[in-house]
Every structure is written in structure tokens, then in C-alpha cells.
C-alpha atoms as a PDB file:
ATOM      1  CA  MET A   1       0.000   0.000   0.000  1.00  0.00           C
ATOM      2  CA  GLU A   2       1.340   3.434  -0.934  1.00  0.00           C
ATOM      3  CA  TYR A   3       1.993   5.944   1.824  1.00  0.00           C
ATOM      4  CA  LYS A   4       0.298   9.306   1.296  1.00  0.00           C
ATOM      5  CA  ASP A   5       2.235  12.470   2.160  1.00  0.00           C
ATOM      6  CA  TYR A   6      -0.653  14.769   3.039  1.00  0.00           C
ATOM      7  CA  TYR A   7       1.615  17.675   3.985  1.00  0.00           C
ATOM      8  CA  LYS A   8       3.183  17.592   0.546  1.00  0.00           C
ATOM      9  CA  ILE A   9      -0.243  17.351  -1.118  1.00  0.00           C
ATOM     10  CA  LEU A  10      -1.405  20.537   0.622  1.00  0.00           C
ATOM     11  CA  GLY A  11       1.974  22.203   0.181  1.00  0.00           C
ATOM     12  CA  VAL A  12       2.530  22.952   3.874  1.00  0.00           C
ATOM     13  CA  GLU A  13       5.289  22.212   6.388  1.00  0.00           C
ATOM     14  CA  LYS A  14       4.823  19.499   9.011  1.00  0.00           C
ATOM     15  CA  LYS A  15       4.872  22.212  11.680  1.00  0.00           C
ATOM     16  CA  ALA A  16       2.086  24.172   9.970  1.00  0.00           C
ATOM     17  CA  THR A  17      -0.637  25.569  12.210  1.00  0.00           C
ATOM     18  CA  ASP A  18      -4.302  24.712  11.828  1.00  0.00           C
ATOM     19  CA  LYS A  19      -4.912  28.121  10.251  1.00  0.00           C
ATOM     20  CA  GLU A  20      -2.119  27.616   7.723  1.00  0.00           C
ATOM     21  CA  ILE A  21      -3.483  24.207   6.798  1.00  0.00           C
ATOM     22  CA  LYS A  22      -7.006  25.527   6.340  1.00  0.00           C
ATOM     23  CA  ARG A  23      -5.742  28.488   4.308  1.00  0.00           C
ATOM     24  CA  ALA A  24      -3.759  26.199   1.993  1.00  0.00           C
ATOM     25  CA  TYR A  25      -6.734  23.883   1.589  1.00  0.00           C
ATOM     26  CA  ARG A  26      -9.133  26.681   0.708  1.00  0.00           C
ATOM     27  CA  LYS A  27      -6.771  28.139  -1.862  1.00  0.00           C
ATOM     28  CA  LEU A  28      -6.238  24.807  -3.596  1.00  0.00           C
ATOM     29  CA  ALA A  29      -9.926  23.889  -3.419  1.00  0.00           C
ATOM     30  CA  ARG A  30     -10.865  27.082  -5.238  1.00  0.00           C
ATOM     31  CA  GLU A  31      -8.243  26.511  -7.905  1.00  0.00           C
ATOM     32  CA  LEU A  32      -8.968  22.823  -8.494  1.00  0.00           C
ATOM     33  CA  HIS A  33     -12.726  22.620  -8.118  1.00  0.00           C
ATOM     34  CA  PRO A  34     -14.183  20.629 -11.081  1.00  0.00           C
ATOM     35  CA  ASP A  35     -16.728  23.355 -11.818  1.00  0.00           C
ATOM     36  CA  MET A  36     -13.856  25.757 -12.410  1.00  0.00           C
ATOM     37  CA  ASN A  37     -11.932  23.248 -14.568  1.00  0.00           C
ATOM     38  CA  PRO A  38     -14.486  21.253 -16.578  1.00  0.00           C
ATOM     39  CA  GLY A  39     -13.001  18.217 -18.302  1.00  0.00           C
ATOM     40  CA  ASP A  40      -9.672  18.380 -16.444  1.00  0.00           C
ATOM     41  CA  LYS A  41      -9.306  14.794 -15.181  1.00  0.00           C
ATOM     42  CA  ARG A  42      -5.955  15.421 -13.529  1.00  0.00           C
ATOM     43  CA  GLY A  43      -7.451  18.439 -11.765  1.00  0.00           C
ATOM     44  CA  GLU A  44     -10.298  16.268 -10.460  1.00  0.00           C
ATOM     45  CA  GLU A  45      -7.813  13.778  -9.019  1.00  0.00           C
ATOM     46  CA  ARG A  46      -5.857  16.565  -7.351  1.00  0.00           C
ATOM     47  CA  PHE A  47      -9.127  17.956  -5.982  1.00  0.00           C
ATOM     48  CA  LYS A  48      -9.891  14.607  -4.342  1.00  0.00           C
ATOM     49  CA  GLU A  49      -6.342  14.407  -2.974  1.00  0.00           C
ATOM     50  CA  ILE A  50      -6.473  17.776  -1.239  1.00  0.00           C
ATOM     51  CA  ASN A  51      -9.847  16.981   0.319  1.00  0.00           C
ATOM     52  CA  GLU A  52      -8.476  13.682   1.597  1.00  0.00           C
ATOM     53  CA  ALA A  53      -5.416  15.460   2.975  1.00  0.00           C
ATOM     54  CA  TYR A  54      -7.551  18.065   4.706  1.00  0.00           C
ATOM     55  CA  GLU A  55      -9.806  15.390   6.185  1.00  0.00           C
ATOM     56  CA  VAL A  56      -6.712  14.115   8.015  1.00  0.00           C
ATOM     57  CA  LEU A  57      -4.663  17.229   8.739  1.00  0.00           C
ATOM     58  CA  GLY A  58      -7.707  19.307   9.597  1.00  0.00           C
ATOM     59  CA  ASP A  59      -8.792  16.841  12.274  1.00  0.00           C
ATOM     60  CA  PRO A  60      -6.589  16.982  15.443  1.00  0.00           C
ATOM     61  CA  GLU A  61      -7.040  13.282  16.304  1.00  0.00           C
ATOM     62  CA  LYS A  62      -6.382  12.051  12.778  1.00  0.00           C
ATOM     63  CA  ARG A  63      -3.380  14.359  12.459  1.00  0.00           C
ATOM     64  CA  VAL A  64      -1.793  12.984  15.637  1.00  0.00           C
ATOM     65  CA  LYS A  65      -2.235   9.423  14.416  1.00  0.00           C
ATOM     66  CA  TYR A  66      -0.958  10.347  10.961  1.00  0.00           C
ATOM     67  CA  ASP A  67       2.131  12.090  12.396  1.00  0.00           C
ATOM     68  CA  GLN A  68       2.938   9.012  14.450  1.00  0.00           C
ATOM     69  CA  LEU A  69       2.569   6.809  11.398  1.00  0.00           C
ATOM     70  CA  GLY A  70       4.667   9.225   9.368  1.00  0.00           C
ATOM     71  CA  SER A  71       7.499   9.145  11.913  1.00  0.00           C
ATOM     72  CA  SER A  72       7.571   5.351  11.866  1.00  0.00           C
ATOM     73  CA  TYR A  73       7.463   5.265   8.078  1.00  0.00           C
ATOM     74  CA  ALA A  74      10.289   7.853   7.816  1.00  0.00           C
ATOM     75  CA  GLN A  75      12.430   5.865  10.267  1.00  0.00           C
ATOM     76  CA  TRP A  76      11.840   2.714   8.232  1.00  0.00           C
ATOM     77  CA  GLN A  77      13.098   4.525   5.127  1.00  0.00           C
ATOM     78  CA  ARG A  78      16.157   5.957   6.949  1.00  0.00           C
ATOM     79  CA  MET A  79      17.143   2.408   7.834  1.00  0.00           C
ATOM     80  CA  GLY A  80      17.379   1.665   4.145  1.00  0.00           C
ATOM     81  CA  ARG A  81      14.358  -0.618   4.169  1.00  0.00           C
ATOM     82  CA  ASP A  82      12.093  -1.122   1.160  1.00  0.00           C
ATOM     83  CA  PRO A  83       9.102   1.235   1.581  1.00  0.00           C
ATOM     84  CA  SER A  84       6.788  -1.416   0.132  1.00  0.00           C
ATOM     85  CA  GLY A  85       7.688  -3.721   3.014  1.00  0.00           C
ATOM     86  CA  PHE A  86       6.508  -1.376   5.770  1.00  0.00           C
ATOM     87  CA  ASP A  87       4.069  -3.010   8.184  1.00  0.00           C
ATOM     88  CA  PHE A  88       0.885  -0.927   8.256  1.00  0.00           C
ATOM     89  CA  SER A  89      -1.085  -3.481  10.241  1.00  0.00           C
ATOM     90  CA  GLN A  90      -0.589  -1.769  13.609  1.00  0.00           C
ATOM     91  CA  TRP A  91      -2.130   1.388  12.151  1.00  0.00           C
ATOM     92  CA  PHE A  92      -5.300  -0.154  10.769  1.00  0.00           C
ATOM     93  CA  ALA A  93      -8.463   1.709  11.642  1.00  0.00           C
ATOM     94  CA  GLY A  94      -9.989   0.193  14.770  1.00  0.00           C
ATOM     95  CA  GLY A  95      -7.036  -2.177  15.088  1.00  0.00           C
ATOM     96  CA  ALA A  96      -8.459  -4.506  12.469  1.00  0.00           C
ATOM     97  CA  PRO A  97      -6.377  -7.726  12.570  1.00  0.00           C
ATOM     98  CA  GLY A  98      -4.702  -9.540   9.768  1.00  0.00           C
ATOM     99  CA  GLY A  99      -4.523  -6.600   7.388  1.00  0.00           C
ATOM    100  CA  ALA A 100      -8.287  -6.589   6.750  1.00  0.00           C
ATOM    101  CA  ARG A 101      -9.287  -3.508   4.781  1.00  0.00           C
ATOM    102  CA  VAL A 102     -11.859  -1.221   6.358  1.00  0.00           C
ATOM    103  CA  GLU A 103     -14.518  -0.338   3.808  1.00  0.00           C
ATOM    104  CA  TYR A 104     -15.764   3.216   3.598  1.00  0.00           C
ATOM    105  CA  GLY A 105     -18.625   5.032   1.963  1.00  0.00           C
ATOM    106  CA  ASP A 106     -18.753   5.992  -1.699  1.00  0.00           C
ATOM    107  CA  LEU A 107     -18.090   9.721  -2.052  1.00  0.00           C
ATOM    108  CA  SER A 108     -18.815   9.884  -5.776  1.00  0.00           C
ATOM    109  CA  ASP A 109     -21.668  12.310  -5.255  1.00  0.00           C
ATOM    110  CA  LEU A 110     -19.294  14.681  -3.509  1.00  0.00           C
ATOM    111  CA  PHE A 111     -16.143  14.316  -5.553  1.00  0.00           C
ATOM    112  CA  GLY A 112     -17.301  12.922  -8.887  1.00  0.00           C
ATOM    113  CA  GLY A 113     -15.064   9.868  -8.495  1.00  0.00           C
ATOM    114  CA  SER A 114     -14.642   6.799  -6.332  1.00  0.00           C
ATOM    115  CA  GLY A 115     -13.888   8.560  -3.015  1.00  0.00           C
ATOM    116  CA  PHE A 116     -10.751   8.549  -0.843  1.00  0.00           C
ATOM    117  CA  SER A 117      -7.713   6.311  -1.359  1.00  0.00           C
ATOM    118  CA  ASP A 118      -7.168   2.816   0.032  1.00  0.00           C
ATOM    119  CA  PHE A 119      -4.513   4.327   2.302  1.00  0.00           C
ATOM    120  CA  PHE A 120      -7.054   6.594   3.960  1.00  0.00           C
ATOM    121  CA  GLY A 121      -9.716   3.898   4.248  1.00  0.00           C
ATOM    122  CA  THR A 122      -7.304   1.399   5.759  1.00  0.00           C
ATOM    123  CA  ILE A 123      -5.794   3.788   8.293  1.00  0.00           C
ATOM    124  CA  PHE A 124      -8.714   6.006   9.191  1.00  0.00           C
ATOM    125  CA  GLY A 125     -11.828   4.119   8.182  1.00  0.00           C
ATOM    126  CA  GLN A 126     -14.881   5.955   6.921  1.00  0.00           C
ATOM    127  CA  PRO A 127     -14.509   9.712   6.311  1.00  0.00           C
ATOM    128  CA  SER A 128     -16.318  11.895   8.811  1.00  0.00           C
ATOM    129  CA  GLN A 129     -19.461  13.836   8.045  1.00  0.00           C
ATOM    130  CA  ARG A 130     -17.359  16.923   8.698  1.00  0.00           C
ATOM    131  CA  THR A 131     -15.778  16.475   5.285  1.00  0.00           C
ATOM    132  CA  GLN A 132     -19.022  16.907   3.392  1.00  0.00           C
ATOM    133  CA  ALA A 133     -20.203  19.678   5.702  1.00  0.00           C
ATOM    134  CA  THR A 134     -16.900  21.540   5.459  1.00  0.00           C
ATOM    135  CA  PHE A 135     -16.776  21.063   1.727  1.00  0.00           C
ATOM    136  CA  ARG A 136     -20.313  22.269   1.092  1.00  0.00           C
ATOM    137  CA  ARG A 137     -20.555  25.191   3.491  1.00  0.00           C
ATOM    138  CA  ALA A 138     -18.478  28.315   3.916  1.00  0.00           C
ATOM    139  CA  GLY A 139     -15.666  26.494   5.695  1.00  0.00           C
ATOM    140  CA  GLY A 140     -14.733  24.733   2.489  1.00  0.00           C
ATOM    141  CA  ALA A 141     -14.223  25.982  -1.034  1.00  0.00           C
ATOM    142  CA  ARG A 142     -16.906  28.616  -1.609  1.00  0.00           C
ATOM    143  CA  VAL A 143     -17.377  28.206  -5.316  1.00  0.00           C
ATOM    144  CA  ARG A 144     -20.436  29.337  -7.225  1.00  0.00           C
ATOM    145  CA  GLY A 145     -21.843  26.688  -9.526  1.00  0.00           C
ATOM    146  CA  ARG A 146     -20.865  26.764 -13.184  1.00  0.00           C
ATOM    147  CA  ASP A 147     -23.179  28.456 -15.690  1.00  0.00           C
ATOM    148  CA  ILE A 148     -24.434  26.139 -18.414  1.00  0.00           C
ATOM    149  CA  GLU A 149     -25.529  27.052 -21.934  1.00  0.00           C
ATOM    150  CA  HIS A 150     -28.004  24.986 -23.929  1.00  0.00           C
ATOM    151  CA  PRO A 151     -29.110  25.725 -27.533  1.00  0.00           C
ATOM    152  CA  VAL A 152     -32.805  26.001 -28.371  1.00  0.00           C
ATOM    153  CA  ASP A 153     -34.347  26.376 -31.837  1.00  0.00           C
ATOM    154  CA  ILE A 154     -37.420  28.518 -32.423  1.00  0.00           C
ATOM    155  CA  THR A 155     -39.302  29.552 -35.552  1.00  0.00           C
ATOM    156  CA  LEU A 156     -39.569  33.133 -36.749  1.00  0.00           C
ATOM    157  CA  GLU A 157     -43.255  33.023 -35.829  1.00  0.00           C
ATOM    158  CA  GLU A 158     -42.305  32.037 -32.272  1.00  0.00           C
ATOM    159  CA  ALA A 159     -39.774  34.860 -32.152  1.00  0.00           C
ATOM    160  CA  TYR A 160     -42.564  37.202 -33.209  1.00  0.00           C
ATOM    161  CA  SER A 161     -45.185  35.987 -30.729  1.00  0.00           C
ATOM    162  CA  GLY A 162     -42.978  34.622 -27.936  1.00  0.00           C
ATOM    163  CA  ALA A 163     -42.532  30.955 -27.136  1.00  0.00           C
ATOM    164  CA  THR A 164     -42.326  28.504 -24.268  1.00  0.00           C
ATOM    165  CA  ARG A 165     -40.155  25.472 -23.791  1.00  0.00           C
ATOM    166  CA  GLU A 166     -40.585  22.755 -21.186  1.00  0.00           C
ATOM    167  CA  LEU A 167     -37.470  21.686 -19.303  1.00  0.00           C
ATOM    168  CA  GLU A 168     -37.015  18.689 -17.049  1.00  0.00           C
ATOM    169  CA  LYS A 169     -34.449  18.377 -14.268  1.00  0.00           C
ATOM    170  CA  ASP A 170     -34.332  15.864 -11.440  1.00  0.00           C
ATOM    171  CA  GLY A 171     -37.797  14.638 -12.392  1.00  0.00           C
ATOM    172  CA  LYS A 172     -39.295  18.113 -12.197  1.00  0.00           C
ATOM    173  CA  ARG A 173     -40.679  19.991 -15.172  1.00  0.00           C
ATOM    174  CA  ALA A 174     -40.804  23.715 -15.660  1.00  0.00           C
ATOM    175  CA  LYS A 175     -41.941  25.970 -18.494  1.00  0.00           C
ATOM    176  CA  VAL A 176     -39.542  28.641 -19.677  1.00  0.00           C
ATOM    177  CA  LYS A 177     -40.722  31.682 -21.613  1.00  0.00           C
ATOM    178  CA  ILE A 178     -38.726  32.932 -24.582  1.00  0.00           C
ATOM    179  CA  PRO A 179     -39.567  36.635 -25.031  1.00  0.00           C
ATOM    180  CA  ARG A 180     -40.983  38.296 -28.119  1.00  0.00           C
ATOM    181  CA  GLY A 181     -38.303  39.704 -30.381  1.00  0.00           C
ATOM    182  CA  ALA A 182     -35.689  37.090 -29.461  1.00  0.00           C
ATOM    183  CA  LYS A 183     -32.886  36.845 -32.003  1.00  0.00           C
ATOM    184  CA  THR A 184     -30.287  34.234 -32.806  1.00  0.00           C
ATOM    185  CA  GLY A 185     -27.816  34.510 -29.942  1.00  0.00           C
ATOM    186  CA  THR A 186     -30.348  35.820 -27.415  1.00  0.00           C
ATOM    187  CA  LYS A 187     -29.777  34.165 -24.034  1.00  0.00           C
ATOM    188  CA  VAL A 188     -32.655  33.349 -21.726  1.00  0.00           C
ATOM    189  CA  ARG A 189     -31.427  33.068 -18.141  1.00  0.00           C
ATOM    190  CA  ILE A 190     -32.882  30.536 -15.702  1.00  0.00           C
ATOM    191  CA  ARG A 191     -31.470  31.205 -12.273  1.00  0.00           C
ATOM    192  CA  GLY A 192     -30.109  28.377 -10.167  1.00  0.00           C
ATOM    193  CA  GLN A 193     -30.513  25.641 -12.801  1.00  0.00           C
ATOM    194  CA  GLY A 194     -26.851  25.382 -13.777  1.00  0.00           C
ATOM    195  CA  GLY A 195     -24.018  23.478 -12.098  1.00  0.00           C
ATOM    196  CA  GLU A 196     -24.252  22.891  -8.370  1.00  0.00           C
ATOM    197  CA  GLY A 197     -22.203  25.181  -6.152  1.00  0.00           C
ATOM    198  CA  THR A 198     -20.135  24.347  -3.090  1.00  0.00           C
ATOM    199  CA  GLY A 199     -20.926  26.547  -0.149  1.00  0.00           C
ATOM    200  CA  ARG A 200     -22.566  28.998  -2.520  1.00  0.00           C
ATOM    201  CA  GLU A 201     -25.512  29.137  -4.920  1.00  0.00           C
ATOM    202  CA  ALA A 202     -25.847  27.025  -8.022  1.00  0.00           C
ATOM    203  CA  GLY A 203     -24.955  28.470 -11.397  1.00  0.00           C
ATOM    204  CA  ASP A 204     -27.490  29.539 -14.004  1.00  0.00           C
ATOM    205  CA  LEU A 205     -28.797  27.828 -17.104  1.00  0.00           C
ATOM    206  CA  PHE A 206     -28.811  29.909 -20.286  1.00  0.00           C
ATOM    207  CA  LEU A 207     -30.958  28.913 -23.235  1.00  0.00           C
ATOM    208  CA  VAL A 208     -29.147  30.211 -26.325  1.00  0.00           C
ATOM    209  CA  VAL A 209     -31.737  30.995 -28.992  1.00  0.00           C
ATOM    210  CA  ASN A 210     -31.338  30.019 -32.628  1.00  0.00           C
ATOM    211  CA  VAL A 211     -34.046  31.415 -34.916  1.00  0.00           C
ATOM    212  CA  LEU A 212     -34.605  29.018 -37.811  1.00  0.00           C
ATOM    213  CA  PRO A 213     -34.602  30.299 -41.429  1.00  0.00           C
ATOM    214  CA  HIS A 214     -38.020  31.280 -42.820  1.00  0.00           C
ATOM    215  CA  PRO A 215     -39.223  30.416 -46.340  1.00  0.00           C
ATOM    216  CA  ILE A 216     -40.629  33.928 -46.951  1.00  0.00           C
ATOM    217  CA  PHE A 217     -39.007  36.455 -44.644  1.00  0.00           C
ATOM    218  CA  GLU A 218     -35.375  37.458 -44.251  1.00  0.00           C
ATOM    219  CA  ARG A 219     -34.621  39.108 -40.918  1.00  0.00           C
ATOM    220  CA  LYS A 220     -32.160  41.954 -40.424  1.00  0.00           C
ATOM    221  CA  GLY A 221     -32.286  43.194 -36.850  1.00  0.00           C
ATOM    222  CA  ASP A 222     -35.912  44.063 -36.185  1.00  0.00           C
ATOM    223  CA  ASP A 223     -36.743  44.556 -39.875  1.00  0.00           C
ATOM    224  CA  LEU A 224     -38.049  41.942 -42.277  1.00  0.00           C
ATOM    225  CA  TYR A 225     -37.522  41.635 -46.038  1.00  0.00           C
ATOM    226  CA  ALA A 226     -39.721  39.670 -48.395  1.00  0.00           C
ATOM    227  CA  ASP A 227     -39.986  39.233 -52.156  1.00  0.00           C
ATOM    228  CA  VAL A 228     -43.505  40.121 -53.339  1.00  0.00           C
ATOM    229  CA  PRO A 229     -44.636  38.877 -56.763  1.00  0.00           C
ATOM    230  CA  VAL A 230     -46.526  41.500 -58.808  1.00  0.00           C
ATOM    231  CA  ASP A 231     -48.120  40.805 -62.174  1.00  0.00           C
ATOM    232  CA  LEU A 232     -46.920  42.806 -65.134  1.00  0.00           C
ATOM    233  CA  TYR A 233     -50.146  44.684 -65.614  1.00  0.00           C
ATOM    234  CA  THR A 234     -50.355  45.887 -61.992  1.00  0.00           C
ATOM    235  CA  ALA A 235     -46.712  46.917 -62.104  1.00  0.00           C
ATOM    236  CA  ALA A 236     -47.272  48.881 -65.310  1.00  0.00           C
ATOM    237  CA  LEU A 237     -50.644  50.446 -64.561  1.00  0.00           C
ATOM    238  CA  GLY A 238     -50.610  50.532 -60.766  1.00  0.00           C
ATOM    239  CA  GLY A 239     -52.980  48.778 -58.435  1.00  0.00           C
ATOM    240  CA  GLU A 240     -53.004  46.634 -55.334  1.00  0.00           C
ATOM    241  CA  THR A 241     -51.656  43.267 -54.215  1.00  0.00           C
ATOM    242  CA  ARG A 242     -51.901  41.345 -50.980  1.00  0.00           C
ATOM    243  CA  VAL A 243     -48.787  40.803 -48.882  1.00  0.00           C
ATOM    244  CA  LYS A 244     -48.296  38.278 -46.090  1.00  0.00           C
ATOM    245  CA  THR A 245     -46.948  39.547 -42.771  1.00  0.00           C
ATOM    246  CA  LEU A 246     -46.393  37.709 -39.484  1.00  0.00           C
ATOM    247  CA  ASP A 247     -49.699  39.048 -38.141  1.00  0.00           C
ATOM    248  CA  GLY A 248     -51.811  38.493 -41.240  1.00  0.00           C
ATOM    249  CA  GLU A 249     -52.209  39.833 -44.779  1.00  0.00           C
ATOM    250  CA  VAL A 250     -52.197  43.511 -45.679  1.00  0.00           C
ATOM    251  CA  VAL A 251     -52.986  45.373 -48.903  1.00  0.00           C
ATOM    252  CA  LEU A 252     -49.973  46.878 -50.647  1.00  0.00           C
ATOM    253  CA  ARG A 253     -50.534  49.728 -53.080  1.00  0.00           C
ATOM    254  CA  ILE A 254     -48.403  49.488 -56.211  1.00  0.00           C
ATOM    255  CA  ALA A 255     -47.557  52.702 -58.018  1.00  0.00           C
ATOM    256  CA  PRO A 256     -47.766  52.788 -61.863  1.00  0.00           C
ATOM    257  CA  GLU A 257     -44.569  51.820 -63.697  1.00  0.00           C
ATOM    258  CA  SER A 258     -43.067  49.999 -60.690  1.00  0.00           C
ATOM    259  CA  GLN A 259     -39.873  48.046 -61.343  1.00  0.00           C
ATOM    260  CA  THR A 260     -38.448  44.707 -60.249  1.00  0.00           C
ATOM    261  CA  GLY A 261     -36.318  45.148 -57.140  1.00  0.00           C
ATOM    262  CA  GLN A 262     -38.134  48.277 -56.068  1.00  0.00           C
ATOM    263  CA  THR A 263     -38.692  48.258 -52.304  1.00  0.00           C
ATOM    264  CA  ILE A 264     -41.807  49.425 -50.524  1.00  0.00           C
ATOM    265  CA  ARG A 265     -41.696  50.000 -46.769  1.00  0.00           C
ATOM    266  CA  LEU A 266     -44.513  48.812 -44.531  1.00  0.00           C
ATOM    267  CA  ARG A 267     -44.056  50.572 -41.212  1.00  0.00           C
ATOM    268  CA  GLY A 268     -44.461  48.557 -38.047  1.00  0.00           C
ATOM    269  CA  LYS A 269     -44.855  45.215 -39.843  1.00  0.00           C
ATOM    270  CA  GLY A 270     -41.468  43.844 -38.818  1.00  0.00           C
ATOM    271  CA  MET A 271     -40.366  42.123 -35.618  1.00  0.00           C
ATOM    272  CA  PRO A 272     -41.122  43.299 -32.093  1.00  0.00           C
ATOM    273  CA  ARG A 273     -38.084  44.728 -30.377  1.00  0.00           C
ATOM    274  CA  LEU A 274     -36.619  42.655 -27.589  1.00  0.00           C
ATOM    275  CA  HIS A 275     -37.516  44.223 -24.225  1.00  0.00           C
ATOM    276  CA  GLU A 276     -39.840  46.663 -26.092  1.00  0.00           C
ATOM    277  CA  PRO A 277     -42.472  44.261 -27.431  1.00  0.00           C
ATOM    278  CA  GLU A 278     -44.901  47.044 -28.344  1.00  0.00           C
ATOM    279  CA  THR A 279     -42.387  48.625 -30.711  1.00  0.00           C
ATOM    280  CA  PHE A 280     -41.902  47.008 -34.105  1.00  0.00           C
ATOM    281  CA  GLY A 281     -39.447  47.134 -36.945  1.00  0.00           C
ATOM    282  CA  ASP A 282     -40.566  47.495 -40.576  1.00  0.00           C
ATOM    283  CA  LEU A 283     -41.280  45.107 -43.408  1.00  0.00           C
ATOM    284  CA  TYR A 284     -39.636  45.847 -46.744  1.00  0.00           C
ATOM    285  CA  ALA A 285     -41.485  44.401 -49.738  1.00  0.00           C
ATOM    286  CA  ARG A 286     -39.172  43.841 -52.709  1.00  0.00           C
ATOM    287  CA  LEU A 287     -41.214  43.805 -55.894  1.00  0.00           C
ATOM    288  CA  GLN A 288     -40.689  40.921 -58.280  1.00  0.00           C
ATOM    289  CA  ILE A 289     -42.430  41.612 -61.580  1.00  0.00           C
ATOM    290  CA  GLN A 290     -43.929  38.453 -63.053  1.00  0.00           C
ATOM    291  CA  ILE A 291     -43.845  38.045 -66.845  1.00  0.00           C
ATOM    292  CA  PRO A 292     -46.931  36.207 -68.082  1.00  0.00           C
ATOM    293  CA  ARG A 293     -46.496  32.780 -69.650  1.00  0.00           C
ATOM    294  CA  ASN A 294     -48.444  30.692 -72.161  1.00  0.00           C
ATOM    295  CA  LEU A 295     -49.516  33.753 -74.174  1.00  0.00           C
ATOM    296  CA  THR A 296     -52.349  33.395 -76.666  1.00  0.00           C
ATOM    297  CA  GLU A 297     -51.935  34.529 -80.259  1.00  0.00           C
ATOM    298  CA  LYS A 298     -53.993  37.642 -79.520  1.00  0.00           C
ATOM    299  CA  GLU A 299     -51.871  38.461 -76.454  1.00  0.00           C
ATOM    300  CA  ARG A 300     -48.697  38.067 -78.501  1.00  0.00           C
ATOM    301  CA  ALA A 301     -50.121  40.404 -81.129  1.00  0.00           C
ATOM    302  CA  LEU A 302     -50.988  42.993 -78.487  1.00  0.00           C
ATOM    303  CA  PHE A 303     -47.503  42.811 -76.970  1.00  0.00           C
ATOM    304  CA  ALA A 304     -46.002  43.182 -80.448  1.00  0.00           C
ATOM    305  CA  GLU A 305     -48.173  46.230 -81.048  1.00  0.00           C
ATOM    306  CA  LEU A 306     -47.087  47.657 -77.672  1.00  0.00           C
ATOM    307  CA  ALA A 307     -43.449  47.072 -78.560  1.00  0.00           C
ATOM    308  CA  HIS A 308     -43.958  48.825 -81.902  1.00  0.00           C
ATOM    309  CA  LEU A 309     -45.529  51.796 -80.141  1.00  0.00           C
ATOM    310  CA  ARG A 310     -42.539  52.049 -77.793  1.00  0.00           C
ATOM    311  CA  GLU A 311     -40.124  51.912 -80.761  1.00  0.00           C
ATOM    312  CA  THR A 312     -41.892  54.695 -82.655  1.00  0.00           C
ATOM    313  CA  LYS A 313     -42.409  56.921 -79.622  1.00  0.00           C
END
């Protein structure tokens, strides 16, 4: 069984005071907490090591026993003996005979791993409740939970009217409102639903909005753009056509001699502004003149006559 040098793990001298030990532990706990270093497996192992070390050195009775063990182990090494041959049996927790290992509770919920080392379990038995209490309250590493981002798709219609999404966590469901005017990149904050904190509040969950493309409307900020087909005769002579908007159809007046690509502004028919849902952007209708197809012989003759008139004008 490998001997654990808890003083070295915490980076303190063997003569360190209780305050110095606690100060070193707090500093390392803040630096190595998994929520501050997501995905860092080595950091997680170090985090477990410092909590194990503090469980021993932060407890007067365990520290006395550990110091006695450490003195014996150091003397064994000074005598030139093989460290692997050191007899730990007299130090077993509760004086367990015959080298029987003392089992201890699984701390995976607390540390995200398999708990303390075999060395700790064999020498000290089950970790005290003080470890969890110290770790979770102000006496341990006071670390706010990590914020979490989660993408959510909505349609342009939902961005216009507002939307809801149902979330489930720990068997509980909650409805989250996505405000009117939300854009791609808008973040909807849900307090306290992120990563769990230690001695402090949990982090927040942020729904990151992605507005899906629309088959008719192109969005630019709070304004909308749409291609509006107009027949040749209305474009030439003027008239009216119906235009779809996100809150229904409206009548668009077409001036005589309108051209393809010409833009007509419809005030207030765009998107509601985020945080100002009663204020709207505009809709820009881009005219697309439609040339008639499948002309009859009479229609062709009339177009030819029109062309002749334009040539002789």
C-alpha cells in the first residue's frame, strides 16, 4: 500500500498551524474545483487528494495518528528498508487484525469519483461527516456553480409571438418563456438551474436561442424583407396586391410603372423589439415583376403592337 504524504499534497510544512493548513486547503480547493476546470481529469484527481489530505490534517485526532505513522514510516526509510515492506497493520483503523481492509462510503456524489484512497480507508476508516459539511458550506471551497448554456431552436413566428419550452431536471418539469423579439444569440437566463455550487448558490442555465430560417421572410435586426410577386399589368398600370406579414395579410398599393427590385416600406410590420415588445421594426417588400407565360396569339399580337408603339415613340 502506498503511503500518502498529506503535507506535501497541501503544500505545507509538518509544523504548519491549523490556520495555515485551512488556508492552503481553501486556496487549492478554489483553484482545483471541477466546476472551475471542466473536463480536467488530472485536476479532479488533485481535488480529491487535497480533500483527503484536509480530512486528516484538519482533524486533530487524525493528524496525531498520521504524524505518528509518518514518523515510523520515515524511520523505516532511513534504515534503508524497502518502503513497500513497511508493516501498516498496527495502524489499521480500529485495530483490524490480519490486514483486513476497512470499507468506507462511496463519495462519488461529492467528488465525482470513487472517493478517498485505500490508504485513507485502511488507516482512518470511513470519512467523517465533517468532510461533506466543510466542503459544502463556507468552511470549504466557496465556489459558485458553473453556468451552463443549452441551444434552443425557435421559428420566426415564435420569435414574433414569444414561445415557451418545457425543461425537465431531477424529475421536475418547468416551463420557460422565450420573449418576443428574441434573435439568434439571445440568451434566456434561468437562475439556479446550472451546475451545483459548493458553499454557494448554483450556477445559471442559459438557453441560447437560434431562430430558424423562414421560407418567406429574411430578418435583419428588427426589420423583415420579403420578395412580393406583382403581375406585369399591376406593375405597369398601378394597383393593389396582398402581402403576407407575421400578423396576417395587408394590402400593398403598387404605383404605376413599378420596377423589379423596387422596395416598398410597410411601417411597423417587422419584428417586435426585444424588451420593447410594443415597438416594431418594418417590413420591406421587394417587388418581383412576373412576366406572363403561355400567351395566346392575340396576347402576342398585343404585346407586339405595344413594342412597336414604344419603338416609334
